[in-house]
Amino acid sequence: MSLRTAVRRLSAPVRSVVQPCAVNAHRPYAAVAQALSVLEGELDSIRAAGTWKGERVITSKQGPHIYVDGSRGDILNFCANNYLGLSSHPEVVKAGIDALQKYGAGLSSVRFICGTQSLHKDLEQKLAQFHEREDCILYASCFDANAGLFEVLLGPDDAVLSDELNHASIIDGIRLCRAKRFRYKHMDLNDLEEKLKESQSSRLRLVVTDGVFSMDGDVAPLKGICDLAEQYGALVFIDECHATGFMGPRGRGTDELLGVMDRVHIVNSTLGKALGGAAGGYTVGPKALIELLRQRSRPYLFSNSLPPPVVGCATRAVELLLASNEIAQSMAAKTMRFRNNMTQAGFTISGTAHPICPVMLGDARLASLMADDMLKLGVYVIGFSYPVVPKGKARIRVQISAAHTDEDIDRAVDAFIQTGRKHGVIS
């Protein structure tokens, strides 16, 4: 037998082992290609539906007047949750700088290990005071606060009753708990009562609602909810992200506005909107609940503590509101100026007396085109469409700020009238 033949025979088993590996080596690349094809198909369908959500780049600080990449000159901003104009307030900014210099950029840890500083405890105390509750716990966001509450508070023997239009973070938080779930029709007290009757065998029952529903500017009927909760022995929870700081005579929220501060048991809210606009969320409520959340709430236990500059900014924002209700009270007149002028022009504005003023258009592509035309006229607004809002209910959501002047509001209305006529929305 020749040497070549011997080598060929000896190498045959080796090739049989190596060749499948070579084939397998290509499989991950095929999987990636398949996945990319699926993803591109999804993206194409979003573009085709006219619901693509582009991100405009702001090249200035947040405020009622901003600069936007690709646009010329000063742009009026009517799209931020900066309800009180505090995100660029000089005292709030200075407090953040001072906290950065004194406490550093961050803690590099979670709260219970080595991530709690005196400024965290100070802010929690001030937030509990602001909401007139026993205690407070900080989170990285209100999304985290909602994700961390229900799983700790409610077990399989309990029930949660949730408004059908509650914020996505509430829905996701409820999914994490093992309680029986009941969804009642939007702000429908009769349907809520039926669900309370159905759940009477539960150990604990928690009625869950947004204080203000952010897509429509609707204010929850908290007095009726509290009446039913007391009648059927349930607790009440509200998410106040779009109310804290400016709803109610002192800006405490919808529970103050509707006179039920002592009847709402748990409040979640954010630091990322009216209270400085940076980041962070929190829960206020009974001390026993807050202590249990510190022990078991996963987003709290496994997330880094809030950065000192963020805490410093939020603390100063809360201090300003504790000292005076002047900023909060300035919102009502400006909100009604926009709502009344837009309604008189022929537009349909959803919600009632809230600085969230959805201009209802219906068609997703129309909302996007009108928002683009508004930017060309120097007004920054965004079209909202599915899945952020239900199909067929696209809108441009305008948000009024205490920092807007009457002239700013009138200029925005004029731009809407010009754009609305162009697209046949109004005559």
Protein backbone atom coordinates (compact mmCIF):
# COMPACT_ATOMS: atom_id res chain seq x y z
CA MET A 1 0.00 0.00 0.00
CA SER A 2 1.43 3.34 -1.02
CA LEU A 3 2.05 6.11 1.50
CA ARG A 4 -0.55 8.32 -0.23
CA THR A 5 -3.24 5.60 0.09
CA ALA A 6 -2.42 5.05 3.77
CA VAL A 7 -2.69 8.76 4.54
CA ARG A 8 -6.01 8.99 2.69
CA ARG A 9 -7.48 6.06 4.66
CA LEU A 10 -6.27 7.43 7.99
CA SER A 11 -7.57 10.90 7.30
CA ALA A 12 -11.07 9.79 6.22
CA PRO A 13 -12.43 9.44 9.82
CA VAL A 14 -10.93 12.81 10.70
CA ARG A 15 -12.69 14.50 7.77
CA SER A 16 -15.98 12.93 8.80
CA VAL A 17 -15.63 14.66 12.19
CA VAL A 18 -14.30 17.99 10.91
CA GLN A 19 -16.74 18.49 8.03
CA PRO A 20 -19.95 18.64 10.13
CA CYS A 21 -18.21 21.21 12.34
CA ALA A 22 -17.46 23.30 9.29
CA VAL A 23 -21.12 23.13 8.31
CA ASN A 24 -22.21 23.98 11.88
CA ALA A 25 -19.86 26.96 11.85
CA HIS A 26 -22.02 28.55 9.18
CA ARG A 27 -25.28 28.00 11.05
CA PRO A 28 -24.91 30.98 13.43
CA TYR A 29 -24.41 33.24 10.42
CA ALA A 30 -27.56 31.82 8.82
CA ALA A 31 -29.46 32.39 12.06
CA VAL A 32 -28.29 36.00 12.19
CA ALA A 33 -29.31 36.55 8.57
CA GLN A 34 -32.73 35.07 9.25
CA ALA A 35 -33.19 37.21 12.35
CA LEU A 36 -32.14 40.36 10.48
CA SER A 37 -34.61 39.54 7.73
CA VAL A 38 -37.41 39.25 10.28
CA LEU A 39 -36.39 42.50 11.96
CA GLU A 40 -36.16 44.40 8.68
CA GLY A 41 -39.61 43.13 7.76
CA GLU A 42 -41.02 44.48 11.02
CA LEU A 43 -39.31 47.84 10.46
CA ASP A 44 -40.63 48.04 6.89
CA SER A 45 -44.18 47.40 8.12
CA ILE A 46 -43.85 50.25 10.64
CA ARG A 47 -42.65 52.61 7.91
CA ALA A 48 -45.41 51.51 5.55
CA ALA A 49 -48.06 52.14 8.22
CA GLY A 50 -46.81 55.69 8.72
CA THR A 51 -46.13 55.04 12.43
CA TRP A 52 -42.34 55.34 12.31
CA LYS A 53 -41.11 57.25 15.34
CA GLY A 54 -38.03 59.27 14.48
CA GLU A 55 -36.00 61.06 17.12
CA ARG A 56 -35.28 64.73 16.65
CA VAL A 57 -32.00 65.92 18.14
CA ILE A 58 -32.16 68.91 20.48
CA THR A 59 -28.90 70.88 20.58
CA SER A 60 -29.77 73.06 23.58
CA LYS A 61 -31.01 72.64 27.13
CA GLN A 62 -34.63 71.66 27.66
CA GLY A 63 -37.05 74.55 27.91
CA PRO A 64 -39.93 76.39 26.24
CA HIS A 65 -37.49 77.58 23.55
CA ILE A 66 -34.99 75.10 22.12
CA TYR A 67 -32.68 74.54 19.18
CA VAL A 68 -33.23 71.47 17.01
CA ASP A 69 -30.69 69.87 14.71
CA GLY A 70 -31.62 70.55 11.10
CA SER A 71 -33.87 73.52 11.94
CA ARG A 72 -33.02 77.16 11.83
CA GLY A 73 -33.39 79.51 14.74
CA ASP A 74 -35.39 79.37 17.91
CA ILE A 75 -38.03 76.60 18.13
CA LEU A 76 -41.02 76.72 20.47
CA ASN A 77 -41.19 73.48 22.44
CA PHE A 78 -44.72 72.21 23.12
CA CYS A 79 -43.83 68.56 23.52
CA ALA A 80 -41.96 68.17 26.82
CA ASN A 81 -43.16 66.93 30.22
CA ASN A 82 -41.30 69.92 31.68
CA TYR A 83 -44.57 71.17 33.13
CA LEU A 84 -43.13 73.74 35.53
CA GLY A 85 -40.08 74.72 33.50
CA LEU A 86 -37.78 73.49 36.28
CA SER A 87 -35.45 71.36 34.14
CA SER A 88 -33.39 74.46 33.35
CA HIS A 89 -34.29 76.56 36.40
CA PRO A 90 -31.03 78.18 37.61
CA GLU A 91 -31.50 77.09 41.23
CA VAL A 92 -32.25 73.52 40.20
CA VAL A 93 -29.22 73.39 37.89
CA LYS A 94 -26.96 74.84 40.59
CA ALA A 95 -28.18 72.28 43.10
CA GLY A 96 -27.20 69.51 40.68
CA ILE A 97 -23.73 71.00 40.18
CA ASP A 98 -23.24 71.37 43.93
CA ALA A 99 -24.27 67.74 44.50
CA LEU A 100 -21.89 66.57 41.77
CA GLN A 101 -18.97 68.40 43.37
CA LYS A 102 -19.79 67.26 46.92
CA TYR A 103 -20.99 63.69 46.37
CA GLY A 104 -19.49 62.67 43.01
CA ALA A 105 -20.98 61.37 39.79
CA GLY A 106 -22.47 58.17 41.20
CA LEU A 107 -22.30 55.48 43.86
CA SER A 108 -21.27 52.50 41.72
CA SER A 109 -23.55 50.36 43.83
CA VAL A 110 -27.07 49.58 44.97
CA ARG A 111 -28.62 51.26 47.98
CA PHE A 112 -28.30 48.52 50.59
CA ILE A 113 -24.61 47.80 49.90
CA CYS A 114 -22.86 51.16 49.70
CA GLY A 115 -25.16 53.28 47.60
CA THR A 116 -27.13 55.37 50.11
CA GLN A 117 -26.02 58.90 50.87
CA SER A 118 -27.51 61.53 53.14
CA LEU A 119 -28.97 63.37 50.15
CA HIS A 120 -31.03 60.27 49.21
CA LYS A 121 -32.59 60.16 52.66
CA ASP A 122 -33.17 63.92 52.60
CA LEU A 123 -35.04 63.74 49.28
CA GLU A 124 -37.16 60.81 50.48
CA GLN A 125 -38.13 62.78 53.59
CA LYS A 126 -39.07 65.84 51.54
CA LEU A 127 -41.15 63.79 49.07
CA ALA A 128 -43.04 62.12 51.93
CA GLN A 129 -43.68 65.58 53.37
CA PHE A 130 -44.77 66.93 49.99
CA HIS A 131 -47.32 64.14 49.51
CA GLU A 132 -48.27 64.06 53.21
CA ARG A 133 -47.47 60.35 53.50
CA GLU A 134 -45.48 58.44 56.12
CA ASP A 135 -42.47 57.38 54.08
CA CYS A 136 -40.88 57.30 50.63
CA ILE A 137 -38.54 55.05 48.62
CA LEU A 138 -36.57 56.21 45.56
CA TYR A 139 -36.17 54.24 42.32
CA ALA A 140 -34.23 54.76 39.11
CA SER A 141 -37.53 55.58 37.35
CA CYS A 142 -41.26 55.44 37.96
CA PHE A 143 -41.31 52.51 35.55
CA ASP A 144 -39.14 50.73 38.14
CA ALA A 145 -41.40 51.92 40.97
CA ASN A 146 -44.39 50.36 39.20
CA ALA A 147 -42.39 47.22 38.41
CA GLY A 148 -41.35 46.87 42.03
CA LEU A 149 -44.59 47.44 43.91
CA PHE A 150 -47.25 44.88 42.95
CA GLU A 151 -45.11 41.76 43.22
CA VAL A 152 -44.17 42.69 46.79
CA LEU A 153 -47.58 43.83 47.99
CA LEU A 154 -49.88 41.27 46.35
CA GLY A 155 -49.88 37.47 46.40
CA PRO A 156 -52.06 34.69 44.95
CA ASP A 157 -54.77 35.29 47.57
CA ASP A 158 -55.11 38.95 46.57
CA ALA A 159 -56.70 40.86 43.68
CA VAL A 160 -55.74 43.89 41.63
CA LEU A 161 -58.35 45.97 39.80
CA SER A 162 -56.83 48.09 37.03
CA ASP A 163 -58.22 50.72 34.65
CA GLU A 164 -58.00 49.41 31.09
CA LEU A 165 -56.02 52.47 29.93
CA ASN A 166 -53.42 52.48 32.68
CA HIS A 167 -49.82 53.25 31.75
CA ALA A 168 -47.70 50.46 30.26
CA SER A 169 -45.46 50.36 33.33
CA ILE A 170 -48.48 49.63 35.54
CA ILE A 171 -49.56 46.85 33.20
CA ASP A 172 -46.06 45.34 33.22
CA GLY A 173 -45.80 45.64 36.99
CA ILE A 174 -49.12 43.85 37.49
CA ARG A 175 -47.97 41.05 35.18
CA LEU A 176 -45.13 40.33 37.64
CA CYS A 177 -47.44 39.66 40.58
CA ARG A 178 -49.49 36.53 41.20
CA ALA A 179 -52.68 38.28 42.27
CA LYS A 180 -55.97 37.72 40.49
CA ARG A 181 -56.38 40.41 37.84
CA PHE A 182 -59.49 42.39 37.03
CA ARG A 183 -59.55 45.09 34.37
CA TYR A 184 -62.36 47.62 34.53
CA LYS A 185 -63.55 49.91 31.73
CA HIS A 186 -61.82 53.27 31.51
CA MET A 187 -62.96 55.49 34.42
CA ASP A 188 -66.21 53.47 34.61
CA LEU A 189 -67.29 53.36 38.26
CA ASN A 190 -70.15 50.96 37.58
CA ASP A 191 -67.79 48.43 36.02
CA LEU A 192 -65.30 48.92 38.86
CA GLU A 193 -68.04 48.14 41.36
CA GLU A 194 -68.89 44.94 39.50
CA LYS A 195 -65.22 43.91 39.63
CA LEU A 196 -65.09 44.71 43.35
CA LYS A 197 -68.10 42.44 43.90
CA GLU A 198 -66.46 39.64 41.89
CA SER A 199 -63.27 39.84 43.94
CA GLN A 200 -64.79 39.94 47.44
CA SER A 201 -63.24 36.62 48.45
CA SER A 202 -59.69 38.01 48.08
CA ARG A 203 -57.48 38.79 51.08
CA LEU A 204 -56.26 42.20 49.83
CA ARG A 205 -57.71 44.17 46.94
CA LEU A 206 -55.95 47.06 45.28
CA VAL A 207 -57.66 49.50 42.90
CA VAL A 208 -55.03 50.83 40.49
CA THR A 209 -55.36 53.91 38.30
CA ASP A 210 -53.39 56.71 36.72
CA GLY A 211 -54.25 59.99 38.38
CA VAL A 212 -54.02 61.60 34.94
CA PHE A 213 -54.02 59.47 31.79
CA SER A 214 -51.12 60.82 29.79
CA MET A 215 -52.38 60.14 26.27
CA ASP A 216 -55.74 61.85 26.73
CA GLY A 217 -55.36 64.26 29.64
CA ASP A 218 -58.25 62.56 31.48
CA VAL A 219 -58.37 62.92 35.26
CA ALA A 220 -59.42 59.79 37.14
CA PRO A 221 -62.67 60.02 39.18
CA LEU A 222 -60.80 59.53 42.43
CA LYS A 223 -63.62 60.52 44.76
CA GLY A 224 -65.89 57.85 43.28
CA ILE A 225 -63.06 55.31 43.29
CA CYS A 226 -62.31 56.01 46.96
CA ASP A 227 -66.02 55.76 47.85
CA LEU A 228 -66.22 52.32 46.24
CA ALA A 229 -62.92 51.19 47.75
CA GLU A 230 -64.12 52.07 51.23
CA GLN A 231 -67.50 50.42 50.65
CA TYR A 232 -65.88 47.16 49.54
CA GLY A 233 -62.75 47.20 51.71
CA ALA A 234 -60.10 47.84 49.06
CA LEU A 235 -56.91 49.90 48.92
CA VAL A 236 -56.33 52.66 46.34
CA PHE A 237 -53.14 53.25 44.32
CA ILE A 238 -52.52 56.11 41.88
CA ASP A 239 -49.71 56.85 39.43
CA GLU A 240 -49.14 60.61 39.52
CA CYS A 241 -46.42 61.11 36.92
CA HIS A 242 -48.54 63.60 34.97
CA ALA A 243 -49.93 65.40 38.03
CA THR A 244 -47.21 65.79 40.67
CA GLY A 245 -46.06 69.37 41.04
CA PHE A 246 -48.90 71.20 39.29
CA MET A 247 -52.32 69.59 39.83
CA GLY A 248 -54.22 70.81 42.87
CA PRO A 249 -54.01 74.15 44.74
CA ARG A 250 -50.48 73.38 46.00
CA GLY A 251 -49.42 71.10 43.17
CA ARG A 252 -49.63 67.93 45.26
CA GLY A 253 -51.49 66.01 42.56
CA THR A 254 -54.91 64.72 41.55
CA ASP A 255 -55.62 63.44 45.06
CA GLU A 256 -55.29 67.02 46.35
CA LEU A 257 -57.23 68.42 43.37
CA LEU A 258 -60.16 66.11 44.13
CA GLY A 259 -59.92 66.28 47.93
CA VAL A 260 -58.94 62.67 48.64
CA MET A 261 -55.32 62.91 49.86
CA ASP A 262 -56.23 61.08 53.07
CA ARG A 263 -58.13 58.35 51.17
CA VAL A 264 -55.51 57.33 48.58
CA HIS A 265 -53.14 54.85 50.22
CA ILE A 266 -50.20 54.54 47.80
CA VAL A 267 -48.77 57.03 45.30
CA ASN A 268 -46.10 56.39 42.67
CA SER A 269 -44.62 59.28 40.75
CA THR A 270 -41.57 60.57 38.92
CA LEU A 271 -38.75 63.05 39.26
CA GLY A 272 -38.34 63.03 35.49
CA LYS A 273 -41.17 65.38 34.55
CA ALA A 274 -42.27 68.38 36.64
CA LEU A 275 -39.76 67.80 39.47
CA GLY A 276 -36.59 68.77 37.64
CA GLY A 277 -36.97 66.57 34.58
CA ALA A 278 -33.83 64.46 35.02
CA ALA A 279 -34.69 60.89 36.04
CA GLY A 280 -35.93 58.83 38.96
CA GLY A 281 -39.19 57.70 40.48
CA TYR A 282 -40.57 56.92 43.91
CA THR A 283 -43.31 55.36 46.01
CA VAL A 284 -44.90 57.11 48.99
CA GLY A 285 -47.26 55.43 51.41
CA PRO A 286 -47.49 53.65 54.77
CA LYS A 287 -44.14 53.17 56.49
CA ALA A 288 -44.61 49.39 56.75
CA LEU A 289 -45.06 49.14 52.96
CA ILE A 290 -41.99 51.27 52.23
CA GLU A 291 -39.88 49.18 54.62
CA LEU A 292 -41.06 45.98 52.93
CA LEU A 293 -40.19 47.42 49.51
CA ARG A 294 -36.65 48.12 50.74
CA GLN A 295 -36.38 44.46 51.68
CA ARG A 296 -37.97 42.80 48.64
CA SER A 297 -38.51 45.17 45.72
CA ARG A 298 -36.27 43.85 42.96
CA PRO A 299 -35.79 47.06 40.94
CA TYR A 300 -34.70 48.77 44.17
CA LEU A 301 -32.42 45.98 45.36
CA PHE A 302 -30.69 45.38 42.04
CA SER A 303 -30.38 48.86 40.51
CA ASN A 304 -27.72 51.45 41.23
CA SER A 305 -28.83 54.30 43.47
CA LEU A 306 -29.83 57.56 41.83
CA PRO A 307 -26.80 59.72 40.86
CA PRO A 308 -26.17 62.61 43.27
CA PRO A 309 -26.64 65.35 40.62
CA VAL A 310 -30.10 63.96 39.81
CA VAL A 311 -31.01 63.85 43.50
CA GLY A 312 -29.66 67.36 44.03
CA CYS A 313 -31.76 68.78 41.20
CA ALA A 314 -34.93 67.00 42.33
CA THR A 315 -34.45 68.04 45.94
CA ARG A 316 -34.24 71.71 45.00
CA ALA A 317 -37.32 71.37 42.78
CA VAL A 318 -39.32 69.90 45.65
CA GLU A 319 -38.04 72.62 48.00
CA LEU A 320 -39.26 75.31 45.60
CA LEU A 321 -42.72 73.74 45.50
CA LEU A 322 -42.86 73.30 49.27
CA ALA A 323 -42.01 76.97 49.67
CA SER A 324 -44.57 78.37 47.20
CA ASN A 325 -47.54 77.29 45.09
CA GLU A 326 -47.13 80.20 42.66
CA ILE A 327 -45.64 78.11 39.84
CA ALA A 328 -48.29 75.42 40.13
CA GLN A 329 -51.12 77.96 40.07
CA SER A 330 -49.83 79.57 36.88
CA MET A 331 -50.68 76.47 34.84
CA ALA A 332 -54.48 76.68 34.75
CA ALA A 333 -54.87 79.95 32.83
CA LYS A 334 -52.23 79.02 30.24
CA THR A 335 -53.78 75.60 29.71
CA MET A 336 -57.25 77.02 29.15
CA ARG A 337 -55.92 79.72 26.81
CA PHE A 338 -54.56 77.04 24.47
CA ARG A 339 -57.56 74.71 24.79
CA ASN A 340 -60.15 77.45 24.20
CA ASN A 341 -58.34 79.03 21.25
CA MET A 342 -57.79 75.66 19.55
CA THR A 343 -61.42 74.63 20.06
CA GLN A 344 -62.63 77.94 18.64
CA ALA A 345 -60.42 77.33 15.58
CA GLY A 346 -62.24 74.04 14.95
CA PHE A 347 -59.84 71.45 16.41
CA THR A 348 -60.94 68.60 18.67
CA ILE A 349 -58.98 68.64 21.94
CA SER A 350 -59.23 65.60 24.22
CA GLY A 351 -59.13 65.68 28.01
CA THR A 352 -60.27 68.36 30.43
CA ALA A 353 -58.39 71.28 31.99
CA HIS A 354 -55.02 69.49 31.95
CA PRO A 355 -51.82 70.81 30.31
CA ILE A 356 -51.76 67.63 28.21
CA CYS A 357 -53.82 68.80 25.23
CA PRO A 358 -54.19 66.05 22.59
CA VAL A 359 -55.14 67.44 19.18
CA MET A 360 -57.16 64.53 17.82
CA LEU A 361 -56.55 63.67 14.15
CA GLY A 362 -57.26 59.94 13.78
CA ASP A 363 -54.86 59.16 10.95
CA ALA A 364 -51.27 58.25 11.88
CA ARG A 365 -49.70 59.54 8.70
CA LEU A 366 -51.60 62.83 8.99
CA ALA A 367 -50.36 63.30 12.56
CA SER A 368 -46.78 62.74 11.47
CA LEU A 369 -47.02 65.08 8.45
CA MET A 370 -48.64 67.83 10.48
CA ALA A 371 -45.97 67.57 13.18
CA ASP A 372 -43.27 67.92 10.51
CA ASP A 373 -44.99 70.99 9.06
CA MET A 374 -45.35 72.49 12.53
CA LEU A 375 -41.59 72.20 13.00
CA LYS A 376 -41.05 74.11 9.76
CA LEU A 377 -43.17 76.87 11.31
CA GLY A 378 -40.97 76.86 14.41
CA VAL A 379 -43.14 74.77 16.76
CA TYR A 380 -41.90 71.43 18.12
CA VAL A 381 -44.70 68.85 18.53
CA ILE A 382 -44.83 65.10 17.90
CA GLY A 383 -47.47 62.88 16.31
CA PHE A 384 -48.60 59.98 18.49
CA SER A 385 -49.87 56.81 16.85
CA TYR A 386 -50.22 53.07 17.44
CA PRO A 387 -48.94 51.33 19.57
CA VAL A 388 -48.55 54.38 21.84
CA VAL A 389 -52.27 55.12 21.35
CA PRO A 390 -55.05 52.87 19.94
CA LYS A 391 -55.35 52.43 16.19
CA GLY A 392 -57.50 55.14 14.60
CA LYS A 393 -56.84 57.58 17.45
CA ALA A 394 -53.62 59.23 16.30
CA ARG A 395 -53.05 62.70 17.63
CA ILE A 396 -50.55 65.45 18.23
CA ARG A 397 -50.11 65.71 21.98
CA VAL A 398 -49.41 69.28 23.00
CA GLN A 399 -48.07 69.96 26.49
CA ILE A 400 -48.31 73.37 28.09
CA SER A 401 -45.58 74.53 30.48
CA ALA A 402 -45.62 77.20 33.15
CA ALA A 403 -42.60 78.60 31.32
CA HIS A 404 -44.64 79.33 28.18
CA THR A 405 -45.77 82.91 27.71
CA ASP A 406 -49.14 83.93 26.30
CA GLU A 407 -47.30 84.95 23.13
CA ASP A 408 -45.78 81.45 22.88
CA ILE A 409 -49.21 79.88 23.16
CA ASP A 410 -50.77 82.19 20.57
CA ARG A 411 -47.91 81.50 18.16
CA ALA A 412 -48.45 77.75 18.52
CA VAL A 413 -52.20 78.11 17.89
CA ASP A 414 -51.52 80.18 14.76
CA ALA A 415 -49.15 77.48 13.46
CA PHE A 416 -51.79 74.80 14.10
CA ILE A 417 -54.39 76.83 12.21
CA GLN A 418 -52.08 77.27 9.22
CA THR A 419 -51.11 73.59 9.20
CA GLY A 420 -54.64 72.37 9.86
CA ARG A 421 -55.99 74.29 6.89
CA LYS A 422 -53.22 72.96 4.65
CA HIS A 423 -54.19 69.36 5.49
CA GLY A 424 -57.94 69.93 5.48
CA VAL A 425 -58.38 69.30 9.19
CA ILE A 426 -60.12 72.67 9.68
CA SER A 427 -61.65 75.08 7.17
